[in-house]
């Protein structure tokens, strides 16, 4: 069942497995703005899954800063691994 979640239909995919592990997949990655933008898109999904799991909903007045910090952190860590 979880294997089906990993299918790629587009250029990227992010899934959270039953155990809470999150997987981001891209068909390709290089340092071009196009692929960094796609990675950012998938990181947003990963952060959304995480925040949902801990009970934080996106609210522009209450939680947007938490989302922004989590996206920045995950982006920095991911780019360090990829570049």
Protein backbone atom coordinates (compact mmCIF):
# COMPACT_ATOMS: atom_id res chain seq x y z
CA UNK A 1 0.00 0.00 0.00
CA UNK A 2 2.76 2.46 0.88
CA UNK A 3 4.74 1.51 -2.24
CA UNK A 4 1.87 2.91 -4.34
CA UNK A 5 2.27 6.27 -2.59
CA UNK A 6 5.80 6.52 -4.01
CA UNK A 7 4.67 6.44 -7.65
CA UNK A 8 5.82 9.46 -9.63
CA UNK A 9 3.16 11.09 -11.78
CA UNK A 10 4.86 14.44 -12.25
CA UNK A 11 8.31 15.84 -11.67
CA UNK A 12 8.22 15.53 -7.89
CA UNK A 13 6.41 13.74 -5.11
CA UNK A 14 6.34 13.98 -1.32
CA UNK A 15 4.73 11.35 0.87
CA UNK A 16 4.54 10.68 4.58
CA UNK A 17 4.54 6.99 5.42
CA UNK A 18 2.49 5.46 8.23
CA UNK A 19 5.50 5.56 10.55
CA UNK A 20 5.94 9.32 10.03
CA UNK A 21 8.93 9.07 7.70
CA UNK A 22 8.70 11.59 4.88
CA UNK A 23 10.14 10.98 1.45
CA UNK A 24 10.75 13.67 -1.16
CA UNK A 25 11.37 12.47 -4.71
CA UNK A 26 12.35 14.50 -7.75
CA UNK A 27 12.86 13.07 -11.24
CA UNK A 28 16.07 15.06 -11.43
CA UNK A 29 17.94 17.68 -9.44
CA UNK A 30 20.59 20.20 -10.31
CA UNK A 31 21.37 23.69 -9.07
CA UNK A 32 19.18 25.42 -11.64
CA UNK A 33 16.42 27.73 -10.40
CA UNK A 34 13.84 25.38 -11.97
CA UNK A 35 14.88 22.38 -9.84
CA UNK A 36 15.47 24.40 -6.69
CA UNK A 37 11.93 25.80 -7.09
CA UNK A 38 10.56 22.28 -7.47
CA UNK A 39 12.48 21.14 -4.41
CA UNK A 40 11.02 24.10 -2.48
CA UNK A 41 7.54 23.06 -3.57
CA UNK A 42 8.07 19.51 -2.27
CA UNK A 43 9.63 20.79 0.97
CA UNK A 44 6.48 22.83 1.58
CA UNK A 45 4.46 19.60 1.32
CA UNK A 46 6.85 17.82 3.71
CA UNK A 47 6.55 20.63 6.27
CA UNK A 48 2.76 20.62 5.88
CA UNK A 49 2.68 16.88 6.62
CA UNK A 50 4.90 17.36 9.68
CA UNK A 51 2.90 20.27 11.05
CA UNK A 52 -0.36 18.40 10.51
CA UNK A 53 1.08 15.41 12.38
CA UNK A 54 1.87 17.60 15.42
CA UNK A 55 -1.44 19.44 15.22
CA UNK A 56 -0.35 22.79 13.77
CA UNK A 57 -2.53 24.17 10.99
CA UNK A 58 -1.35 26.91 8.64
CA UNK A 59 -2.79 30.18 9.91
CA UNK A 60 -1.33 33.40 8.56
CA UNK A 61 -1.78 35.13 11.93
CA UNK A 62 -0.74 32.33 14.28
CA UNK A 63 1.55 29.75 12.68
CA UNK A 64 3.04 31.15 9.48
CA UNK A 65 6.36 31.86 11.18
CA UNK A 66 6.64 28.25 12.39
CA UNK A 67 6.05 27.06 8.82
CA UNK A 68 8.59 29.55 7.45
CA UNK A 69 11.30 28.49 9.91
CA UNK A 70 10.64 24.78 9.24
CA UNK A 71 10.81 25.33 5.47
CA UNK A 72 14.05 27.30 5.79
CA UNK A 73 15.59 24.63 8.04
CA UNK A 74 14.58 21.75 5.79
CA UNK A 75 15.73 23.60 2.66
CA UNK A 76 19.15 24.35 4.14
CA UNK A 77 19.64 20.76 5.34
CA UNK A 78 18.47 19.28 2.05
CA UNK A 79 20.63 21.54 -0.12
CA UNK A 80 23.69 20.76 2.02
CA UNK A 81 23.12 17.04 1.30
CA UNK A 82 22.49 17.56 -2.44
CA UNK A 83 25.21 20.06 -3.32
